[in-house]
Structures are given as structure tokens and as C-alpha cells.
C-alpha atoms as a PDB file:
ATOM      1  CA  MET A   1     156.922  74.822  92.013  1.00  0.00           C
ATOM      2  CA  MET A   2     158.252  73.813  88.600  1.00  0.00           C
ATOM      3  CA  ARG A   3     161.803  74.247  89.823  1.00  0.00           C
ATOM      4  CA  ILE A   4     161.221  71.799  92.667  1.00  0.00           C
ATOM      5  CA  LEU A   5     159.711  69.235  90.311  1.00  0.00           C
ATOM      6  CA  ARG A   6     162.625  69.560  87.901  1.00  0.00           C
ATOM      7  CA  GLY A   7     165.091  69.109  90.760  1.00  0.00           C
ATOM      8  CA  LEU A   8     163.223  66.082  92.064  1.00  0.00           C
ATOM      9  CA  GLY A   9     163.077  64.564  88.576  1.00  0.00           C
ATOM     10  CA  GLY A  10     166.779  65.212  88.126  1.00  0.00           C
ATOM     11  CA  ALA A  11     167.544  63.462  91.411  1.00  0.00           C
ATOM     12  CA  VAL A  12     165.494  60.424  90.384  1.00  0.00           C
ATOM     13  CA  VAL A  13     167.189  60.265  86.971  1.00  0.00           C
ATOM     14  CA  TRP A  14     170.585  60.616  88.674  1.00  0.00           C
ATOM     15  CA  LEU A  15     169.861  57.701  91.025  1.00  0.00           C
ATOM     16  CA  LEU A  16     168.635  55.591  88.110  1.00  0.00           C
ATOM     17  CA  ALA A  17     171.807  56.463  86.187  1.00  0.00           C
ATOM     18  CA  CYS A  18     173.870  55.280  89.171  1.00  0.00           C
ATOM     19  CA  VAL A  19     172.102  51.905  89.154  1.00  0.00           C
ATOM     20  CA  VAL A  20     172.423  51.535  85.372  1.00  0.00           C
ATOM     21  CA  GLY A  21     176.109  52.485  85.557  1.00  0.00           C
ATOM     22  CA  LEU A  22     176.757  49.942  88.309  1.00  0.00           C
ATOM     23  CA  VAL A  23     175.057  47.199  86.298  1.00  0.00           C
ATOM     24  CA  ALA A  24     177.070  48.248  83.218  1.00  0.00           C
ATOM     25  CA  VAL A  25     180.364  48.064  85.129  1.00  0.00           C
ATOM     26  CA  ILE A  26     179.488  44.587  86.428  1.00  0.00           C
ATOM     27  CA  LEU A  27     178.621  43.502  82.901  1.00  0.00           C
ATOM     28  CA  CYS A  28     181.895  44.927  81.588  1.00  0.00           C
ATOM     29  CA  VAL A  29     183.862  42.954  84.179  1.00  0.00           C
ATOM     30  CA  THR A  30     182.266  39.803  82.831  1.00  0.00           C
ATOM     31  CA  VAL A  31     184.182  39.502  79.578  1.00  0.00           C
ATOM     32  CA  LEU A  32     181.440  37.516  77.923  1.00  0.00           C
ATOM     33  CA  LEU A  33     178.892  40.332  78.476  1.00  0.00           C
ATOM     34  CA  LEU A  34     181.237  43.174  77.476  1.00  0.00           C
ATOM     35  CA  PRO A  35     179.233  43.974  74.273  1.00  0.00           C
ATOM     36  CA  VAL A  36     176.165  44.558  76.462  1.00  0.00           C
ATOM     37  CA  GLY A  37     177.999  46.489  79.193  1.00  0.00           C
ATOM     38  CA  LEU A  38     179.608  49.139  76.966  1.00  0.00           C
ATOM     39  CA  PRO A  39     176.372  50.461  75.380  1.00  0.00           C
ATOM     40  CA  LEU A  40     174.716  50.361  78.795  1.00  0.00           C
ATOM     41  CA  LEU A  41     177.586  52.431  80.198  1.00  0.00           C
ATOM     42  CA  ARG A  42     177.006  54.963  77.420  1.00  0.00           C
ATOM     43  CA  VAL A  43     173.297  55.113  78.332  1.00  0.00           C
ATOM     44  CA  ALA A  44     174.210  55.724  81.992  1.00  0.00           C
ATOM     45  CA  ARG A  45     176.523  58.558  80.970  1.00  0.00           C
ATOM     46  CA  ARG A  46     173.745  60.216  78.953  1.00  0.00           C
ATOM     47  CA  MET A  47     171.384  59.827  81.893  1.00  0.00           C
ATOM     48  CA  PHE A  48     173.889  61.612  84.172  1.00  0.00           C
ATOM     49  CA  GLY A  49     174.015  64.505  81.695  1.00  0.00           C
ATOM     50  CA  LYS A  50     170.238  64.682  81.487  1.00  0.00           C
ATOM     51  CA  ALA A  51     169.963  64.679  85.287  1.00  0.00           C
ATOM     52  CA  ALA A  52     172.454  67.536  85.556  1.00  0.00           C
ATOM     53  CA  ARG A  53     170.551  69.562  82.953  1.00  0.00           C
ATOM     54  CA  LEU A  54     167.310  68.995  84.840  1.00  0.00           C
ATOM     55  CA  MET A  55     168.808  70.263  88.097  1.00  0.00           C
ATOM     56  CA  LEU A  56     170.483  73.364  86.660  1.00  0.00           C
ATOM     57  CA  PRO A  57     168.745  76.602  85.650  1.00  0.00           C
ATOM     58  CA  LYS A  58     168.140  77.122  81.941  1.00  0.00           C
ATOM     59  CA  ALA A  59     170.979  79.616  81.495  1.00  0.00           C
ATOM     60  CA  LEU A  60     173.512  77.123  82.849  1.00  0.00           C
ATOM     61  CA  ALA A  61     171.990  74.026  81.289  1.00  0.00           C
ATOM     62  CA  HIS A  62     171.806  75.558  77.795  1.00  0.00           C
ATOM     63  CA  PRO A  63     174.378  78.390  77.669  1.00  0.00           C
ATOM     64  CA  VAL A  64     174.501  78.536  73.880  1.00  0.00           C
ATOM     65  CA  GLN A  65     170.737  78.914  73.550  1.00  0.00           C
ATOM     66  CA  SER A  66     170.592  81.654  76.179  1.00  0.00           C
ATOM     67  CA  ALA A  67     173.527  83.424  74.503  1.00  0.00           C
ATOM     68  CA  LYS A  68     171.727  83.258  71.153  1.00  0.00           C
ATOM     69  CA  ASP A  69     168.606  84.715  72.737  1.00  0.00           C
ATOM     70  CA  SER A  70     170.490  87.616  74.289  1.00  0.00           C
ATOM     71  CA  VAL A  71     172.447  88.283  71.089  1.00  0.00           C
ATOM     72  CA  SER A  72     169.295  88.282  68.988  1.00  0.00           C
ATOM     73  CA  GLU A  73     167.638  90.725  71.384  1.00  0.00           C
ATOM     74  CA  THR A  74     170.705  92.976  71.310  1.00  0.00           C
ATOM     75  CA  GLY A  75     170.914  92.648  67.528  1.00  0.00           C
ATOM     76  CA  SER A  76     167.322  93.642  67.029  1.00  0.00           C
ATOM     77  CA  LYS A  77     167.793  96.641  69.310  1.00  0.00           C
ATOM     78  CA  ALA A  78     170.958  97.622  67.454  1.00  0.00           C
ATOM     79  CA  GLY A  79     169.236  97.202  64.102  1.00  0.00           C
ATOM     80  CA  SER A  80     166.326  99.425  65.081  1.00  0.00           C
ATOM     81  CA  SER A  81     168.621 102.100  66.519  1.00  0.00           C
ATOM     82  CA  ALA A  82     170.804 101.959  63.401  1.00  0.00           C
ATOM     83  CA  SER A  83     167.790 102.415  61.156  1.00  0.00           C
ATOM     84  CA  ASP A  84     166.633 105.334  63.307  1.00  0.00           C
ATOM     85  CA  ALA A  85     170.069 106.919  63.052  1.00  0.00           C
ATOM     86  CA  ALA A  86     170.125 106.435  59.280  1.00  0.00           C
ATOM     87  CA  GLU A  87     166.699 108.015  59.004  1.00  0.00           C
ATOM     88  CA  LYS A  88     167.825 111.030  61.019  1.00  0.00           C
ATOM     89  CA  ALA A  89     170.962 111.385  58.908  1.00  0.00           C
ATOM     90  CA  THR A  90     169.032 111.439  55.631  1.00  0.00           C
ATOM     91  CA  THR A  91     166.428 113.999  56.699  1.00  0.00           C
ATOM     92  CA  LYS A  92     167.068 117.680  56.151  1.00  0.00           C
ATOM     93  CA  PRO A  93     168.568 119.216  59.266  1.00  0.00           C
ATOM     94  CA  SER A  94     166.511 121.891  60.912  1.00  0.00           C
ATOM     95  CA  LYS A  95     167.975 125.287  61.702  1.00  0.00           C
ATOM     96  CA  LEU A  96     168.801 125.070  65.313  1.00  0.00           C
ATOM     97  CA  PRO A  97     168.895 128.243  67.438  1.00  0.00           C
ATOM     98  CA  TRP A  98     172.331 127.532  68.897  1.00  0.00           C
ATOM     99  CA  ARG A  99     173.819 127.212  65.439  1.00  0.00           C
ATOM    100  CA  ARG A 100     172.834 130.677  64.288  1.00  0.00           C
ATOM    101  CA  ARG A 101     175.545 133.179  63.587  1.00  0.00           C
ATOM    102  CA  ARG A 102     175.831 135.859  66.187  1.00  0.00           C
ATOM    103  CA  ARG A 103     175.703 139.402  64.942  1.00  0.00           C
ATOM    104  CA  PHE A 104     177.530 142.058  66.830  1.00  0.00           C
ATOM    105  CA  SER A 105     176.382 145.623  66.829  1.00  0.00           C
ATOM    106  CA  PHE A 106     178.917 148.420  67.154  1.00  0.00           C
ATOM    107  CA  GLY A 107     177.180 151.400  68.213  1.00  0.00           C
END
């Protein structure tokens, strides 16, 4: 349900950005209103970006954030496994049955 609402909101923002961009281009053509048209064109461009981010899934809309999340999860797993390995290395090894010396009897 949330995905549909985000897509619908993105479509509305995209249409609004089209209208704002068209008005900005018309203002830029009028040389006298060029100082108003350029900032409005910048606003339209930001609105297009916001609309695209609303329509895309989170992993595509914010790839750096999702990469940081996955790296931090992997890092925490690696840190815990490294500490476990260090703990095993510092403990006294037990005498394992397959490491015993075999004694042969001749007789």
C-alpha cells in the first residue's frame, strides 16, 4: 500500500515539476524575467529528482545508504567472528584424539 502511495506522490510531483519547468522556460525566453526563470528552472530540476526518488525503491533511490547498511552489517559480523577466532586462539588447546601418537606393538 505504501509503495502505491509513494508512486502516486512521485507522479504528482513529476507533473508539477513539468509545469514549473515549462513556466521557467517561458520566463527565461523573456529576457526581462530571466533572473526569475533561472532559479525556477533549478527548483523544477530538484522536483524531478525528488519525484524519481519517490518512485524508485529505497536501494535504488539511496544506493550509498543501503551500501553503508550492508557494509556495517557485514563489518559487525566480521568483527564478532574475528573476536571469536582470537578467543579460540588464546585458549589452551585440548588434546584431541586424532592428534595422539600411535603406538605400534611388535609382538
